[in-house]
Amino acid sequence: MGEGNSGGEDNTPAGESDHDNVGAGITFFGINRLSISPSGMGFDPIQLTLATVGMRVWFGTVGLDVGIALGTTTQKDVNTCDMMCTGTARDGGLNGGFGIGLHVGVPIAAATSRHAALVIIPELGFQYGGATVFQPGDPIYDISLSGIAIDVGVKVGGEIHFGGIGVPNLSLQVAIGLGLRYTKTTAENAAPADDAFALGRETTNLSLRTIADDLLNGTVRLTYYF
């Protein structure tokens, strides 16, 4: 693995590229938003924000991306009147909003120049999260929310190294992508099935993901190789 210098000079050996001199690095893969509440619940959708950090390792022209995502929600209160009451608003407290995820990619350096590489990246992502909406009164009416998302897609773009200013270990990747996302959200409580407020709801969705849907999820990425 190559080491950057602080002199601001291009010391990449003749005939080599910055890509040839990097191996493993730390990278920020982006931000995902995971829905954990089914549609038609009578309150605004609840989402978790998951930030993904991990590593990229190159083995010549083929690499491996592995990232771990963690996230939560800043929302604290939920008005569930439309779902659970008539006439008088019931304000529930949101607790336990937490999510985890895994990101795996196989970057391929399809072409390289002195300070840049054209990369094609097949990717797979998985996220899971949940939360509880506490209800006034009997805890059997507390609503347990959960959601999963599975992403499959590919990105194409350029990884630009800063070897021209003496920092070949730092790179900026700009890429666009296309893929599919499968989501499943559930909401349930512990009330008996014959209770008027018993809840068991599930929604699933399959959607096409584009750069417009996924602008913050790895479109621009910084990596530092060591």
C-alpha atoms as a PDB file:
ATOM      1  CA  MET A   1       0.000   0.000   0.000  1.00  0.00           C
ATOM      2  CA  GLY A   2       1.268   3.412  -0.843  1.00  0.00           C
ATOM      3  CA  GLU A   3       1.685   6.260   1.618  1.00  0.00           C
ATOM      4  CA  GLY A   4       0.698   9.835   0.887  1.00  0.00           C
ATOM      5  CA  ASN A   5       3.177  12.651   1.459  1.00  0.00           C
ATOM      6  CA  SER A   6       2.603  16.125   2.821  1.00  0.00           C
ATOM      7  CA  GLY A   7       4.759  17.952   0.334  1.00  0.00           C
ATOM      8  CA  GLY A   8       2.017  18.531  -2.191  1.00  0.00           C
ATOM      9  CA  GLU A   9       3.998  16.736  -4.928  1.00  0.00           C
ATOM     10  CA  ASP A  10       2.922  13.949  -7.267  1.00  0.00           C
ATOM     11  CA  ASN A  11       5.242  11.055  -6.381  1.00  0.00           C
ATOM     12  CA  THR A  12       3.313   8.303  -8.156  1.00  0.00           C
ATOM     13  CA  PRO A  13       5.911   6.163  -9.964  1.00  0.00           C
ATOM     14  CA  ALA A  14       5.861   6.417 -13.758  1.00  0.00           C
ATOM     15  CA  GLY A  15       3.582   3.810 -15.311  1.00  0.00           C
ATOM     16  CA  GLU A  16       1.629   3.280 -12.092  1.00  0.00           C
ATOM     17  CA  SER A  17      -1.663   4.715 -10.897  1.00  0.00           C
ATOM     18  CA  ASP A  18      -2.743   5.752  -7.425  1.00  0.00           C
ATOM     19  CA  HIS A  19      -5.101   2.771  -7.518  1.00  0.00           C
ATOM     20  CA  ASP A  20      -2.114   0.413  -7.868  1.00  0.00           C
ATOM     21  CA  ASN A  21      -0.732   1.665  -4.559  1.00  0.00           C
ATOM     22  CA  VAL A  22      -3.734   1.390  -2.246  1.00  0.00           C
ATOM     23  CA  GLY A  23      -5.138  -1.595  -0.397  1.00  0.00           C
ATOM     24  CA  ALA A  24      -7.485  -1.283   2.579  1.00  0.00           C
ATOM     25  CA  GLY A  25      -9.228   1.868   3.700  1.00  0.00           C
ATOM     26  CA  ILE A  26     -11.939   3.302   5.918  1.00  0.00           C
ATOM     27  CA  THR A  27     -14.979   4.692   4.133  1.00  0.00           C
ATOM     28  CA  PHE A  28     -18.367   6.283   4.824  1.00  0.00           C
ATOM     29  CA  PHE A  29     -20.949   4.471   2.715  1.00  0.00           C
ATOM     30  CA  GLY A  30     -23.812   6.909   3.263  1.00  0.00           C
ATOM     31  CA  ILE A  31     -27.172   7.275   4.975  1.00  0.00           C
ATOM     32  CA  ASN A  32     -30.238   5.063   4.697  1.00  0.00           C
ATOM     33  CA  ARG A  33     -33.747   5.843   5.898  1.00  0.00           C
ATOM     34  CA  LEU A  34     -35.693   2.819   7.111  1.00  0.00           C
ATOM     35  CA  SER A  35     -39.474   2.963   7.553  1.00  0.00           C
ATOM     36  CA  ILE A  36     -40.770   0.971  10.552  1.00  0.00           C
ATOM     37  CA  SER A  37     -44.484   1.880  10.457  1.00  0.00           C
ATOM     38  CA  PRO A  38     -47.047   0.412   8.024  1.00  0.00           C
ATOM     39  CA  SER A  39     -49.201   2.717   5.921  1.00  0.00           C
ATOM     40  CA  GLY A  40     -52.660   3.655   7.195  1.00  0.00           C
ATOM     41  CA  MET A  41     -51.667   3.807  10.858  1.00  0.00           C
ATOM     42  CA  GLY A  42     -53.285   7.191  11.449  1.00  0.00           C
ATOM     43  CA  PHE A  43     -50.010   8.939  12.268  1.00  0.00           C
ATOM     44  CA  ASP A  44     -47.071  10.228  10.276  1.00  0.00           C
ATOM     45  CA  PRO A  45     -44.661   7.530   9.024  1.00  0.00           C
ATOM     46  CA  ILE A  46     -41.868   6.743  11.464  1.00  0.00           C
ATOM     47  CA  GLN A  47     -38.385   6.354   9.985  1.00  0.00           C
ATOM     48  CA  LEU A  48     -34.984   5.500  11.368  1.00  0.00           C
ATOM     49  CA  THR A  49     -31.854   7.171   9.997  1.00  0.00           C
ATOM     50  CA  LEU A  50     -28.980   4.703   9.628  1.00  0.00           C
ATOM     51  CA  ALA A  51     -25.418   5.831   8.894  1.00  0.00           C
ATOM     52  CA  THR A  52     -23.103   3.194   7.386  1.00  0.00           C
ATOM     53  CA  VAL A  53     -19.339   3.114   8.031  1.00  0.00           C
ATOM     54  CA  GLY A  54     -16.936   0.363   7.024  1.00  0.00           C
ATOM     55  CA  MET A  55     -13.977  -0.681   4.943  1.00  0.00           C
ATOM     56  CA  ARG A  56     -12.980  -1.066   1.303  1.00  0.00           C
ATOM     57  CA  VAL A  57     -10.232  -3.550   0.461  1.00  0.00           C
ATOM     58  CA  TRP A  58      -8.730  -3.875  -3.016  1.00  0.00           C
ATOM     59  CA  PHE A  59      -7.263  -7.117  -4.386  1.00  0.00           C
ATOM     60  CA  GLY A  60      -5.908  -5.732  -7.639  1.00  0.00           C
ATOM     61  CA  THR A  61      -8.821  -4.642  -9.810  1.00  0.00           C
ATOM     62  CA  VAL A  62     -11.500  -6.325  -7.674  1.00  0.00           C
ATOM     63  CA  GLY A  63     -12.367  -5.202  -4.170  1.00  0.00           C
ATOM     64  CA  LEU A  64     -14.676  -5.823  -1.242  1.00  0.00           C
ATOM     65  CA  ASP A  65     -16.834  -3.271   0.581  1.00  0.00           C
ATOM     66  CA  VAL A  66     -18.207  -4.152   4.024  1.00  0.00           C
ATOM     67  CA  GLY A  67     -20.123  -1.666   6.141  1.00  0.00           C
ATOM     68  CA  ILE A  68     -22.124  -1.694   9.376  1.00  0.00           C
ATOM     69  CA  ALA A  69     -25.083   0.643   9.843  1.00  0.00           C
ATOM     70  CA  LEU A  70     -26.482   1.945  13.114  1.00  0.00           C
ATOM     71  CA  GLY A  71     -29.243   4.466  13.608  1.00  0.00           C
ATOM     72  CA  THR A  72     -32.126   5.826  15.608  1.00  0.00           C
ATOM     73  CA  THR A  73     -34.892   8.411  15.387  1.00  0.00           C
ATOM     74  CA  THR A  74     -35.198  11.848  16.947  1.00  0.00           C
ATOM     75  CA  GLN A  75     -39.007  11.598  17.083  1.00  0.00           C
ATOM     76  CA  LYS A  76     -40.356  11.322  20.659  1.00  0.00           C
ATOM     77  CA  ASP A  77     -44.143  11.697  20.512  1.00  0.00           C
ATOM     78  CA  VAL A  78     -46.800  10.093  18.331  1.00  0.00           C
ATOM     79  CA  ASN A  79     -50.436  11.197  18.113  1.00  0.00           C
ATOM     80  CA  THR A  80     -52.383   7.970  17.635  1.00  0.00           C
ATOM     81  CA  CYS A  81     -55.887   9.416  17.893  1.00  0.00           C
ATOM     82  CA  ASP A  82     -56.925   8.407  14.386  1.00  0.00           C
ATOM     83  CA  MET A  83     -55.949   4.816  15.103  1.00  0.00           C
ATOM     84  CA  MET A  84     -56.839   4.252  18.742  1.00  0.00           C
ATOM     85  CA  CYS A  85     -59.515   6.701  19.855  1.00  0.00           C
ATOM     86  CA  THR A  86     -62.486   8.840  18.960  1.00  0.00           C
ATOM     87  CA  GLY A  87     -62.894  12.413  20.091  1.00  0.00           C
ATOM     88  CA  THR A  88     -59.999  12.730  22.530  1.00  0.00           C
ATOM     89  CA  ALA A  89     -56.410  12.675  21.337  1.00  0.00           C
ATOM     90  CA  ARG A  90     -54.135   9.993  22.732  1.00  0.00           C
ATOM     91  CA  ASP A  91     -50.494  11.032  22.630  1.00  0.00           C
ATOM     92  CA  GLY A  92     -48.129   8.096  22.715  1.00  0.00           C
ATOM     93  CA  GLY A  93     -44.441   8.175  23.546  1.00  0.00           C
ATOM     94  CA  LEU A  94     -41.996   6.615  21.094  1.00  0.00           C
ATOM     95  CA  ASN A  95     -39.321   4.437  22.655  1.00  0.00           C
ATOM     96  CA  GLY A  96     -36.689   1.982  21.490  1.00  0.00           C
ATOM     97  CA  GLY A  97     -36.302   3.436  18.003  1.00  0.00           C
ATOM     98  CA  PHE A  98     -33.126   1.692  16.882  1.00  0.00           C
ATOM     99  CA  GLY A  99     -31.899   0.036  13.708  1.00  0.00           C
ATOM    100  CA  ILE A 100     -28.932  -1.940  12.406  1.00  0.00           C
ATOM    101  CA  GLY A 101     -27.800  -2.853   8.925  1.00  0.00           C
ATOM    102  CA  LEU A 102     -25.174  -4.520   6.778  1.00  0.00           C
ATOM    103  CA  HIS A 103     -23.767  -3.308   3.449  1.00  0.00           C
ATOM    104  CA  VAL A 104     -21.707  -5.499   1.100  1.00  0.00           C
ATOM    105  CA  GLY A 105     -20.328  -4.500  -2.289  1.00  0.00           C
ATOM    106  CA  VAL A 106     -17.846  -5.821  -4.866  1.00  0.00           C
ATOM    107  CA  PRO A 107     -16.164  -2.819  -6.545  1.00  0.00           C
ATOM    108  CA  ILE A 108     -14.523  -3.523  -9.879  1.00  0.00           C
ATOM    109  CA  ALA A 109     -11.925  -1.128 -11.302  1.00  0.00           C
ATOM    110  CA  ALA A 110     -12.952  -1.394 -14.950  1.00  0.00           C
ATOM    111  CA  ALA A 111     -10.328   1.141 -16.055  1.00  0.00           C
ATOM    112  CA  THR A 112      -7.640   3.192 -14.341  1.00  0.00           C
ATOM    113  CA  SER A 113      -5.647   6.307 -15.091  1.00  0.00           C
ATOM    114  CA  ARG A 114      -2.889   7.989 -13.109  1.00  0.00           C
ATOM    115  CA  HIS A 115      -5.191   9.493 -10.463  1.00  0.00           C
ATOM    116  CA  ALA A 116      -8.624   7.958 -11.136  1.00  0.00           C
ATOM    117  CA  ALA A 117     -10.466   4.696 -11.674  1.00  0.00           C
ATOM    118  CA  LEU A 118     -13.763   3.850 -13.324  1.00  0.00           C
ATOM    119  CA  VAL A 119     -15.597   1.615 -10.831  1.00  0.00           C
ATOM    120  CA  ILE A 120     -18.606  -0.674 -11.198  1.00  0.00           C
ATOM    121  CA  ILE A 121     -20.057  -1.777  -7.854  1.00  0.00           C
ATOM    122  CA  PRO A 122     -22.681  -4.519  -7.440  1.00  0.00           C
ATOM    123  CA  GLU A 123     -24.141  -4.003  -3.948  1.00  0.00           C
ATOM    124  CA  LEU A 124     -26.357  -5.709  -1.386  1.00  0.00           C
ATOM    125  CA  GLY A 125     -27.813  -4.100   1.714  1.00  0.00           C
ATOM    126  CA  PHE A 126     -29.971  -5.214   4.640  1.00  0.00           C
ATOM    127  CA  GLN A 127     -31.501  -3.078   7.391  1.00  0.00           C
ATOM    128  CA  TYR A 128     -33.692  -3.942  10.371  1.00  0.00           C
ATOM    129  CA  GLY A 129     -35.204  -1.665  13.000  1.00  0.00           C
ATOM    130  CA  GLY A 130     -37.994  -1.319  15.506  1.00  0.00           C
ATOM    131  CA  ALA A 131     -39.636   0.860  18.132  1.00  0.00           C
ATOM    132  CA  THR A 132     -42.495   0.850  20.636  1.00  0.00           C
ATOM    133  CA  VAL A 133     -45.272   3.430  20.811  1.00  0.00           C
ATOM    134  CA  PHE A 134     -46.457   3.573  24.421  1.00  0.00           C
ATOM    135  CA  GLN A 135     -50.196   4.156  24.900  1.00  0.00           C
ATOM    136  CA  PRO A 136     -51.937   5.729  27.913  1.00  0.00           C
ATOM    137  CA  GLY A 137     -53.601   3.162  30.135  1.00  0.00           C
ATOM    138  CA  ASP A 138     -53.231  -0.589  29.677  1.00  0.00           C
ATOM    139  CA  PRO A 139     -49.822  -1.605  28.238  1.00  0.00           C
ATOM    140  CA  ILE A 140     -51.489  -4.284  26.098  1.00  0.00           C
ATOM    141  CA  TYR A 141     -52.273  -1.426  23.700  1.00  0.00           C
ATOM    142  CA  ASP A 142     -48.617  -0.426  23.304  1.00  0.00           C
ATOM    143  CA  ILE A 143     -47.783  -0.686  19.603  1.00  0.00           C
ATOM    144  CA  SER A 144     -44.694  -2.642  18.548  1.00  0.00           C
ATOM    145  CA  LEU A 145     -43.315  -1.403  15.210  1.00  0.00           C
ATOM    146  CA  SER A 146     -40.681  -3.087  13.057  1.00  0.00           C
ATOM    147  CA  GLY A 147     -39.321  -2.834   9.549  1.00  0.00           C
ATOM    148  CA  ILE A 148     -36.827  -4.505   7.238  1.00  0.00           C
ATOM    149  CA  ALA A 149     -35.351  -3.409   3.919  1.00  0.00           C
ATOM    150  CA  ILE A 150     -33.315  -5.405   1.404  1.00  0.00           C
ATOM    151  CA  ASP A 151     -31.486  -3.560  -1.370  1.00  0.00           C
ATOM    152  CA  VAL A 152     -29.922  -5.093  -4.477  1.00  0.00           C
ATOM    153  CA  GLY A 153     -28.352  -2.888  -7.133  1.00  0.00           C
ATOM    154  CA  VAL A 154     -25.313  -1.583  -8.943  1.00  0.00           C
ATOM    155  CA  LYS A 155     -23.470   1.752  -8.985  1.00  0.00           C
ATOM    156  CA  VAL A 156     -21.197   3.141 -11.683  1.00  0.00           C
ATOM    157  CA  GLY A 157     -18.864   6.070 -11.179  1.00  0.00           C
ATOM    158  CA  GLY A 158     -15.347   7.318 -10.659  1.00  0.00           C
ATOM    159  CA  GLU A 159     -12.945   7.071  -7.730  1.00  0.00           C
ATOM    160  CA  ILE A 160     -10.632  10.070  -7.858  1.00  0.00           C
ATOM    161  CA  HIS A 161      -7.402   9.960  -5.847  1.00  0.00           C
ATOM    162  CA  PHE A 162      -5.609  13.071  -4.665  1.00  0.00           C
ATOM    163  CA  GLY A 163      -2.148  11.890  -5.697  1.00  0.00           C
ATOM    164  CA  GLY A 164      -1.770  14.990  -7.833  1.00  0.00           C
ATOM    165  CA  ILE A 165      -1.478  17.034  -4.628  1.00  0.00           C
ATOM    166  CA  GLY A 166       0.516  14.421  -2.740  1.00  0.00           C
ATOM    167  CA  VAL A 167      -2.310  12.589  -0.963  1.00  0.00           C
ATOM    168  CA  PRO A 168      -2.901   9.411  -3.012  1.00  0.00           C
ATOM    169  CA  ASN A 169      -4.368   7.581   0.018  1.00  0.00           C
ATOM    170  CA  LEU A 170      -7.400   9.873   0.038  1.00  0.00           C
ATOM    171  CA  SER A 171     -10.067   9.319  -2.598  1.00  0.00           C
ATOM    172  CA  LEU A 172     -13.420  10.773  -3.541  1.00  0.00           C
ATOM    173  CA  GLN A 173     -15.950   8.505  -5.236  1.00  0.00           C
ATOM    174  CA  VAL A 174     -18.892   9.905  -7.181  1.00  0.00           C
ATOM    175  CA  ALA A 175     -21.346   7.318  -8.506  1.00  0.00           C
ATOM    176  CA  ILE A 176     -24.922   6.853  -9.641  1.00  0.00           C
ATOM    177  CA  GLY A 177     -26.927   3.688  -9.225  1.00  0.00           C
ATOM    178  CA  LEU A 178     -29.999   1.649  -9.952  1.00  0.00           C
ATOM    179  CA  GLY A 179     -31.513  -1.149  -7.931  1.00  0.00           C
ATOM    180  CA  LEU A 180     -34.481  -2.796  -6.245  1.00  0.00           C
ATOM    181  CA  ARG A 181     -35.647  -2.379  -2.670  1.00  0.00           C
ATOM    182  CA  TYR A 182     -37.947  -4.778  -0.808  1.00  0.00           C
ATOM    183  CA  THR A 183     -39.496  -3.470   2.402  1.00  0.00           C
ATOM    184  CA  LYS A 184     -41.733  -4.989   5.046  1.00  0.00           C
ATOM    185  CA  THR A 185     -43.246  -3.100   7.986  1.00  0.00           C
ATOM    186  CA  THR A 186     -45.382  -4.444  10.827  1.00  0.00           C
ATOM    187  CA  ALA A 187     -47.403  -3.008  13.704  1.00  0.00           C
ATOM    188  CA  GLU A 188     -49.019  -5.055  16.458  1.00  0.00           C
ATOM    189  CA  ASN A 189     -50.110  -4.955  20.063  1.00  0.00           C
ATOM    190  CA  ALA A 190     -50.884  -7.548  22.736  1.00  0.00           C
ATOM    191  CA  ALA A 191     -54.649  -6.936  22.870  1.00  0.00           C
ATOM    192  CA  PRO A 192     -56.894 -10.015  22.440  1.00  0.00           C
ATOM    193  CA  ALA A 193     -58.117 -10.626  18.904  1.00  0.00           C
ATOM    194  CA  ASP A 194     -61.718  -9.774  19.865  1.00  0.00           C
ATOM    195  CA  ASP A 195     -60.698  -6.397  21.354  1.00  0.00           C
ATOM    196  CA  ALA A 196     -61.857  -3.384  19.320  1.00  0.00           C
ATOM    197  CA  PHE A 197     -58.318  -1.963  19.520  1.00  0.00           C
ATOM    198  CA  ALA A 198     -56.455  -5.184  18.680  1.00  0.00           C
ATOM    199  CA  LEU A 199     -53.790  -4.440  16.101  1.00  0.00           C
ATOM    200  CA  GLY A 200     -51.939  -6.614  13.621  1.00  0.00           C
ATOM    201  CA  ARG A 201     -50.934  -4.880  10.422  1.00  0.00           C
ATOM    202  CA  GLU A 202     -48.277  -5.589   7.799  1.00  0.00           C
ATOM    203  CA  THR A 203     -47.318  -3.921   4.542  1.00  0.00           C
ATOM    204  CA  THR A 204     -44.764  -4.958   1.927  1.00  0.00           C
ATOM    205  CA  ASN A 205     -43.410  -3.094  -1.065  1.00  0.00           C
ATOM    206  CA  LEU A 206     -41.018  -3.645  -3.962  1.00  0.00           C
ATOM    207  CA  SER A 207     -39.659  -0.486  -5.568  1.00  0.00           C
ATOM    208  CA  LEU A 208     -37.071   0.655  -8.099  1.00  0.00           C
ATOM    209  CA  ARG A 209     -34.296   2.721  -6.539  1.00  0.00           C
ATOM    210  CA  THR A 210     -32.574   5.501  -8.486  1.00  0.00           C
ATOM    211  CA  ILE A 211     -30.260   8.369  -7.625  1.00  0.00           C
ATOM    212  CA  ALA A 212     -33.337  10.490  -6.899  1.00  0.00           C
ATOM    213  CA  ASP A 213     -34.403   8.059  -4.158  1.00  0.00           C
ATOM    214  CA  ASP A 214     -30.945   7.466  -2.769  1.00  0.00           C
ATOM    215  CA  LEU A 215     -29.009  10.719  -3.037  1.00  0.00           C
ATOM    216  CA  LEU A 216     -27.371  10.419   0.401  1.00  0.00           C
ATOM    217  CA  ASN A 217     -26.660   6.709   0.221  1.00  0.00           C
ATOM    218  CA  GLY A 218     -23.157   6.560  -1.198  1.00  0.00           C
ATOM    219  CA  THR A 219     -23.543   8.872  -4.205  1.00  0.00           C
ATOM    220  CA  VAL A 220     -20.532  10.808  -2.888  1.00  0.00           C
ATOM    221  CA  ARG A 221     -18.094   8.838  -0.776  1.00  0.00           C
ATOM    222  CA  LEU A 222     -14.742   9.588   0.884  1.00  0.00           C
ATOM    223  CA  THR A 223     -12.227   6.826   1.553  1.00  0.00           C
ATOM    224  CA  TYR A 224      -8.907   7.016   3.357  1.00  0.00           C
ATOM    225  CA  TYR A 225      -6.505   4.158   2.636  1.00  0.00           C
ATOM    226  CA  PHE A 226      -3.837   3.166   5.113  1.00  0.00           C
END
